[in-house]
């Protein structure tokens, strides 16, 4: 499938092969990850804040609800259309999900990356999957 033919629920992420560009080596890994998803630094910073809000609220036992959108817009300082574009990219990447009207962090992003890595390692490079 070509990128232009991808479903609207899909998103693109920048992948870098340089060892010194690894997200885990960054001073702020979450921001570095968001920079790979969003072209504008301002949106990447707001995405970090939104993801952090979801994480903090989940840990406190008071999950962030979809119906709180006006409060979220105010806290992030975003227009409604910009917020939903950002949110939809995070949903499309599988970083967040919505269940029962609540935002949740999602493992689908990790599973997709692991699937791609495993396929490349085994099929293209011919290595044993256990050695990954």
N, C-alpha and C. Protein backbone atom coordinates (compact mmCIF):
# COMPACT_ATOMS: atom_id res chain seq x y z
N UNK A 1 0.84 -1.16 0.00
CA UNK A 1 0.00 0.00 0.00
C UNK A 1 0.89 1.24 0.00
N UNK A 2 0.54 2.20 -0.80
CA UNK A 2 1.26 3.45 -0.85
C UNK A 2 0.75 4.36 0.27
N UNK A 3 1.64 5.25 0.73
CA UNK A 3 1.27 6.17 1.81
C UNK A 3 0.02 6.95 1.45
N UNK A 4 -0.08 7.42 0.21
CA UNK A 4 -1.24 8.22 -0.19
C UNK A 4 -2.54 7.41 -0.18
N UNK A 5 -2.44 6.08 -0.21
CA UNK A 5 -3.62 5.22 -0.20
C UNK A 5 -3.96 4.71 1.20
N UNK A 6 -3.20 5.12 2.21
CA UNK A 6 -3.43 4.64 3.57
C UNK A 6 -4.77 5.17 4.09
N UNK A 7 -5.41 4.40 4.95
CA UNK A 7 -6.68 4.87 5.53
C UNK A 7 -6.48 6.17 6.31
N UNK A 8 -7.55 6.94 6.43
CA UNK A 8 -7.46 8.22 7.14
C UNK A 8 -7.08 8.04 8.60
N UNK A 9 -7.28 6.85 9.13
CA UNK A 9 -6.92 6.59 10.52
C UNK A 9 -5.43 6.29 10.68
N UNK A 10 -4.67 6.30 9.59
CA UNK A 10 -3.24 6.04 9.64
C UNK A 10 -2.47 7.34 9.82
N UNK A 11 -1.22 7.20 10.20
CA UNK A 11 -0.36 8.37 10.33
C UNK A 11 1.06 7.98 9.96
N UNK A 12 1.90 8.97 9.74
CA UNK A 12 3.30 8.73 9.37
C UNK A 12 4.21 9.12 10.52
N UNK A 13 5.34 8.44 10.60
CA UNK A 13 6.34 8.75 11.61
C UNK A 13 7.71 8.72 10.95
N UNK A 14 8.58 9.60 11.39
CA UNK A 14 9.94 9.65 10.86
C UNK A 14 10.77 8.59 11.57
N UNK A 15 11.47 7.79 10.78
CA UNK A 15 12.35 6.76 11.31
C UNK A 15 13.78 7.16 10.96
N UNK A 16 14.67 7.09 11.95
CA UNK A 16 16.07 7.46 11.72
C UNK A 16 16.96 6.26 12.02
N UNK A 17 17.96 6.05 11.18
CA UNK A 17 18.83 4.89 11.37
C UNK A 17 20.07 5.20 12.19
N UNK A 18 20.39 6.45 12.37
CA UNK A 18 21.59 6.83 13.11
C UNK A 18 21.47 6.47 14.59
N UNK A 19 22.51 5.85 15.12
CA UNK A 19 22.50 5.45 16.53
C UNK A 19 22.38 6.65 17.46
N UNK A 20 22.94 7.79 17.06
CA UNK A 20 22.88 8.97 17.93
C UNK A 20 21.54 9.68 17.84
N UNK A 21 20.64 9.21 16.99
CA UNK A 21 19.30 9.81 16.87
C UNK A 21 18.25 8.96 17.59
N UNK A 22 18.70 7.97 18.34
CA UNK A 22 17.76 7.08 19.03
C UNK A 22 16.98 7.86 20.08
N UNK A 23 15.71 7.57 20.14
CA UNK A 23 14.83 8.25 21.09
C UNK A 23 15.28 8.00 22.52
N UNK A 24 15.72 6.79 22.79
CA UNK A 24 16.14 6.45 24.16
C UNK A 24 17.38 7.22 24.60
N UNK A 25 18.11 7.79 23.66
CA UNK A 25 19.31 8.56 23.98
C UNK A 25 19.01 10.04 24.19
N UNK A 26 17.78 10.44 23.94
CA UNK A 26 17.36 11.84 24.05
C UNK A 26 17.20 12.24 25.52
N UNK A 27 17.38 13.53 25.79
CA UNK A 27 17.13 14.05 27.14
C UNK A 27 15.64 14.03 27.45
N UNK A 28 14.81 14.12 26.42
CA UNK A 28 13.35 14.08 26.58
C UNK A 28 12.79 13.13 25.52
N UNK A 29 12.79 11.82 25.80
CA UNK A 29 12.37 10.83 24.80
C UNK A 29 10.95 11.04 24.26
N UNK A 30 10.01 11.42 25.14
CA UNK A 30 8.63 11.61 24.66
C UNK A 30 8.55 12.77 23.68
N UNK A 31 9.25 13.85 23.97
CA UNK A 31 9.26 14.98 23.03
C UNK A 31 9.92 14.58 21.71
N UNK A 32 11.00 13.85 21.78
CA UNK A 32 11.68 13.40 20.55
C UNK A 32 10.76 12.52 19.72
N UNK A 33 10.00 11.66 20.38
CA UNK A 33 9.03 10.82 19.66
C UNK A 33 7.96 11.68 19.00
N UNK A 34 7.44 12.66 19.72
CA UNK A 34 6.41 13.53 19.15
C UNK A 34 6.96 14.38 18.00
N UNK A 35 8.22 14.74 18.04
CA UNK A 35 8.83 15.48 16.93
C UNK A 35 8.86 14.63 15.66
N UNK A 36 8.89 13.32 15.82
CA UNK A 36 8.88 12.43 14.66
C UNK A 36 7.48 12.25 14.09
N UNK A 37 6.49 12.63 14.87
CA UNK A 37 5.10 12.48 14.45
C UNK A 37 4.51 13.79 13.92
N UNK A 38 4.94 14.90 14.51
CA UNK A 38 4.39 16.21 14.17
C UNK A 38 5.47 17.10 13.57
N UNK A 39 5.12 17.80 12.52
CA UNK A 39 6.08 18.65 11.82
C UNK A 39 6.42 19.92 12.60
N UNK A 40 5.44 20.46 13.31
CA UNK A 40 5.64 21.71 14.03
C UNK A 40 6.02 21.42 15.48
N UNK A 41 7.07 22.09 15.93
CA UNK A 41 7.54 21.93 17.31
C UNK A 41 6.43 22.26 18.31
N UNK A 42 5.67 23.29 18.03
CA UNK A 42 4.58 23.72 18.92
C UNK A 42 3.57 22.59 19.13
N UNK A 43 3.23 21.90 18.07
CA UNK A 43 2.25 20.80 18.17
C UNK A 43 2.89 19.61 18.90
N UNK A 44 4.16 19.34 18.63
CA UNK A 44 4.85 18.25 19.33
C UNK A 44 4.84 18.50 20.83
N UNK A 45 5.08 19.73 21.25
CA UNK A 45 5.06 20.07 22.67
C UNK A 45 3.67 19.90 23.27
N UNK A 46 2.65 20.27 22.53
CA UNK A 46 1.28 20.13 23.02
C UNK A 46 0.88 18.66 23.06
N UNK A 47 1.38 17.87 22.13
CA UNK A 47 1.10 16.43 22.14
C UNK A 47 1.73 15.78 23.37
N UNK A 48 2.93 16.21 23.73
CA UNK A 48 3.58 15.71 24.95
C UNK A 48 2.70 16.02 26.16
N UNK A 49 2.21 17.24 26.21
CA UNK A 49 1.37 17.65 27.33
C UNK A 49 0.08 16.84 27.38
N UNK A 50 -0.54 16.62 26.22
CA UNK A 50 -1.79 15.86 26.15
C UNK A 50 -1.56 14.41 26.59
N UNK A 51 -0.53 13.78 26.07
CA UNK A 51 -0.22 12.39 26.45
C UNK A 51 0.08 12.32 27.94
N UNK A 52 0.79 13.30 28.45
CA UNK A 52 1.11 13.34 29.89
C UNK A 52 -0.16 13.52 30.72
N UNK A 53 -1.10 14.33 30.22
CA UNK A 53 -2.39 14.50 30.91
C UNK A 53 -3.12 13.16 31.00
N UNK A 54 -3.13 12.43 29.90
CA UNK A 54 -3.80 11.12 29.86
C UNK A 54 -3.14 10.18 30.87
N UNK A 55 -1.82 10.15 30.86
CA UNK A 55 -1.07 9.27 31.76
C UNK A 55 -1.30 9.63 33.23
N UNK A 56 -1.20 10.91 33.55
CA UNK A 56 -1.37 11.36 34.94
C UNK A 56 -2.77 11.09 35.46
N UNK A 57 -3.75 11.38 34.63
CA UNK A 57 -5.14 11.17 35.06
C UNK A 57 -5.43 9.68 35.25
N UNK A 58 -4.87 8.84 34.39
CA UNK A 58 -5.07 7.39 34.54
C UNK A 58 -4.45 6.91 35.85
N UNK A 59 -3.26 7.40 36.16
CA UNK A 59 -2.57 6.98 37.39
C UNK A 59 -3.32 7.45 38.63
N UNK A 60 -4.00 8.58 38.53
CA UNK A 60 -4.73 9.12 39.69
C UNK A 60 -6.09 8.45 39.88
N UNK A 61 -6.47 7.59 38.92
CA UNK A 61 -7.76 6.91 39.01
C UNK A 61 -8.92 7.74 38.50
N UNK A 62 -8.61 8.83 37.84
CA UNK A 62 -9.62 9.73 37.29
C UNK A 62 -9.32 9.94 35.80
N UNK A 63 -9.59 8.94 34.96
CA UNK A 63 -9.21 9.02 33.54
C UNK A 63 -9.74 10.27 32.83
N UNK A 64 -8.96 10.77 31.90
CA UNK A 64 -9.35 11.93 31.09
C UNK A 64 -10.48 11.50 30.16
N UNK A 65 -11.57 12.22 30.21
CA UNK A 65 -12.75 11.86 29.43
C UNK A 65 -12.85 12.70 28.16
N UNK A 66 -13.37 12.08 27.12
CA UNK A 66 -13.55 12.76 25.83
C UNK A 66 -14.44 13.99 26.00
N UNK A 67 -15.43 13.89 26.88
CA UNK A 67 -16.37 14.99 27.08
C UNK A 67 -15.71 16.22 27.72
N UNK A 68 -14.50 16.09 28.19
CA UNK A 68 -13.78 17.22 28.79
C UNK A 68 -13.04 18.04 27.74
N UNK A 69 -13.41 17.92 26.49
CA UNK A 69 -12.66 18.52 25.40
C UNK A 69 -12.46 20.02 25.56
N UNK A 70 -13.46 20.73 26.08
CA UNK A 70 -13.31 22.19 26.23
C UNK A 70 -12.21 22.53 27.24
N UNK A 71 -12.18 21.79 28.33
CA UNK A 71 -11.15 21.99 29.35
C UNK A 71 -9.77 21.65 28.78
N UNK A 72 -9.70 20.58 27.99
CA UNK A 72 -8.44 20.16 27.38
C UNK A 72 -7.95 21.24 26.42
N UNK A 73 -8.85 21.77 25.59
CA UNK A 73 -8.48 22.83 24.64
C UNK A 73 -7.90 24.03 25.38
N UNK A 74 -8.55 24.39 26.48
CA UNK A 74 -8.11 25.54 27.27
C UNK A 74 -6.72 25.29 27.87
N UNK A 75 -6.54 24.09 28.43
CA UNK A 75 -5.26 23.76 29.07
C UNK A 75 -4.12 23.69 28.07
N UNK A 76 -4.42 23.20 26.87
CA UNK A 76 -3.38 23.10 25.84
C UNK A 76 -3.23 24.39 25.04
N UNK A 77 -4.20 25.28 25.14
CA UNK A 77 -4.16 26.53 24.38
C UNK A 77 -4.27 26.27 22.89
N UNK A 78 -5.23 25.43 22.52
CA UNK A 78 -5.39 25.04 21.12
C UNK A 78 -6.80 25.32 20.62
N UNK A 79 -6.89 25.55 19.32
CA UNK A 79 -8.19 25.63 18.66
C UNK A 79 -8.74 24.21 18.55
N UNK A 80 -10.05 24.09 18.46
CA UNK A 80 -10.71 22.79 18.38
C UNK A 80 -10.18 21.96 17.21
N UNK A 81 -10.07 22.57 16.04
CA UNK A 81 -9.62 21.81 14.85
C UNK A 81 -8.18 21.34 15.00
N UNK A 82 -7.32 22.16 15.58
CA UNK A 82 -5.91 21.77 15.79
C UNK A 82 -5.81 20.63 16.80
N UNK A 83 -6.61 20.72 17.86
CA UNK A 83 -6.60 19.67 18.87
C UNK A 83 -7.03 18.34 18.26
N UNK A 84 -8.14 18.34 17.52
CA UNK A 84 -8.62 17.08 16.96
C UNK A 84 -7.68 16.53 15.90
N UNK A 85 -6.99 17.38 15.17
CA UNK A 85 -5.99 16.90 14.20
C UNK A 85 -4.85 16.21 14.95
N UNK A 86 -4.38 16.83 16.04
CA UNK A 86 -3.32 16.25 16.85
C UNK A 86 -3.78 14.94 17.48
N UNK A 87 -4.95 14.97 18.09
CA UNK A 87 -5.50 13.78 18.74
C UNK A 87 -5.66 12.64 17.75
N UNK A 88 -6.15 12.95 16.55
CA UNK A 88 -6.36 11.91 15.54
C UNK A 88 -5.05 11.29 15.06
N UNK A 89 -3.98 12.07 15.04
CA UNK A 89 -2.67 11.51 14.70
C UNK A 89 -2.21 10.55 15.77
N UNK A 90 -2.41 10.90 17.02
CA UNK A 90 -2.03 10.02 18.12
C UNK A 90 -2.88 8.74 18.10
N UNK A 91 -4.16 8.88 17.78
CA UNK A 91 -5.03 7.70 17.64
C UNK A 91 -4.58 6.85 16.47
N UNK A 92 -4.30 7.49 15.33
CA UNK A 92 -3.88 6.77 14.13
C UNK A 92 -2.57 6.04 14.30
N UNK A 93 -1.68 6.61 15.11
CA UNK A 93 -0.39 5.97 15.36
C UNK A 93 -0.53 4.82 16.36
N UNK A 94 -1.66 4.75 17.05
CA UNK A 94 -1.85 3.71 18.05
C UNK A 94 -1.22 4.05 19.39
N UNK A 95 -0.93 5.33 19.62
CA UNK A 95 -0.33 5.74 20.90
C UNK A 95 -1.39 5.93 21.98
N UNK A 96 -2.57 6.35 21.56
CA UNK A 96 -3.69 6.50 22.48
C UNK A 96 -4.90 5.80 21.89
N UNK A 97 -5.88 5.55 22.74
CA UNK A 97 -7.14 4.98 22.28
C UNK A 97 -8.26 5.63 23.09
N UNK A 98 -9.47 5.39 22.65
CA UNK A 98 -10.64 5.87 23.38
C UNK A 98 -11.49 4.64 23.69
N UNK A 99 -11.76 4.46 24.97
CA UNK A 99 -12.60 3.33 25.38
C UNK A 99 -13.56 3.82 26.44
N UNK A 100 -14.83 3.55 26.21
CA UNK A 100 -15.89 3.98 27.14
C UNK A 100 -15.83 5.48 27.42
N UNK A 101 -15.51 6.27 26.38
CA UNK A 101 -15.49 7.71 26.52
C UNK A 101 -14.29 8.26 27.26
N UNK A 102 -13.27 7.42 27.45
CA UNK A 102 -12.06 7.84 28.17
C UNK A 102 -10.83 7.66 27.30
N UNK A 103 -9.89 8.60 27.42
CA UNK A 103 -8.61 8.47 26.73
C UNK A 103 -7.72 7.51 27.51
N UNK A 104 -7.02 6.67 26.78
CA UNK A 104 -6.10 5.71 27.38
C UNK A 104 -4.82 5.68 26.55
N UNK A 105 -3.70 5.41 27.20
CA UNK A 105 -2.48 5.15 26.45
C UNK A 105 -2.64 3.76 25.84
N UNK A 106 -2.10 3.57 24.66
CA UNK A 106 -2.31 2.32 23.94
C UNK A 106 -0.98 1.65 23.59
N UNK A 107 -0.98 0.35 23.59
CA UNK A 107 0.20 -0.41 23.21
C UNK A 107 0.24 -0.77 21.73
N UNK A 108 -0.77 -0.37 20.97
CA UNK A 108 -0.80 -0.73 19.54
C UNK A 108 0.38 -0.16 18.77
N UNK A 109 0.83 1.03 19.15
CA UNK A 109 1.99 1.64 18.51
C UNK A 109 3.20 0.72 18.67
N UNK A 110 3.44 0.25 19.86
CA UNK A 110 4.57 -0.64 20.13
C UNK A 110 4.43 -1.95 19.37
N UNK A 111 3.24 -2.50 19.35
CA UNK A 111 3.03 -3.77 18.66
C UNK A 111 3.28 -3.65 17.16
N UNK A 112 2.88 -2.53 16.57
CA UNK A 112 3.10 -2.32 15.14
C UNK A 112 4.59 -2.19 14.85
N UNK A 113 5.30 -1.43 15.67
CA UNK A 113 6.75 -1.28 15.46
C UNK A 113 7.47 -2.62 15.64
N UNK A 114 7.06 -3.39 16.64
CA UNK A 114 7.68 -4.70 16.87
C UNK A 114 7.41 -5.64 15.70
N UNK A 115 6.20 -5.58 15.16
CA UNK A 115 5.86 -6.42 14.02
C UNK A 115 6.73 -6.06 12.81
N UNK A 116 6.89 -4.76 12.57
CA UNK A 116 7.74 -4.33 11.45
C UNK A 116 9.18 -4.76 11.65
N UNK A 117 9.69 -4.56 12.86
CA UNK A 117 11.08 -4.92 13.16
C UNK A 117 11.30 -6.42 13.02
N UNK A 118 10.36 -7.19 13.55
CA UNK A 118 10.48 -8.65 13.47
C UNK A 118 10.45 -9.11 12.02
N UNK A 119 9.54 -8.57 11.23
CA UNK A 119 9.45 -8.95 9.81
C UNK A 119 10.75 -8.63 9.10
N UNK A 120 11.28 -7.44 9.28
CA UNK A 120 12.53 -7.03 8.62
C UNK A 120 13.67 -7.97 9.04
N UNK A 121 13.77 -8.24 10.33
CA UNK A 121 14.84 -9.05 10.89
C UNK A 121 14.80 -10.48 10.34
N UNK A 122 13.60 -11.05 10.28
CA UNK A 122 13.46 -12.45 9.89
C UNK A 122 13.39 -12.61 8.37
N UNK A 123 12.49 -11.89 7.72
CA UNK A 123 12.25 -12.10 6.30
C UNK A 123 13.34 -11.46 5.44
N UNK A 124 13.66 -10.23 5.70
CA UNK A 124 14.61 -9.52 4.83
C UNK A 124 16.06 -9.83 5.16
N UNK A 125 16.38 -9.93 6.45
CA UNK A 125 17.77 -10.17 6.83
C UNK A 125 18.07 -11.65 7.05
N UNK A 126 17.04 -12.46 7.21
CA UNK A 126 17.22 -13.90 7.33
C UNK A 126 17.70 -14.37 8.70
N UNK A 127 17.56 -13.54 9.71
CA UNK A 127 17.96 -13.92 11.06
C UNK A 127 16.84 -14.67 11.77
N UNK A 128 17.22 -15.36 12.81
CA UNK A 128 16.25 -16.06 13.65
C UNK A 128 15.49 -15.05 14.49
N UNK A 129 14.18 -15.19 14.57
CA UNK A 129 13.34 -14.26 15.32
C UNK A 129 13.77 -14.17 16.79
N UNK A 130 14.28 -15.26 17.33
CA UNK A 130 14.69 -15.27 18.74
C UNK A 130 15.93 -14.41 18.98
N UNK A 131 16.68 -14.10 17.93
CA UNK A 131 17.91 -13.32 18.11
C UNK A 131 17.68 -11.81 18.04
N UNK A 132 16.44 -11.41 17.85
CA UNK A 132 16.12 -9.98 17.76
C UNK A 132 16.20 -9.32 19.12
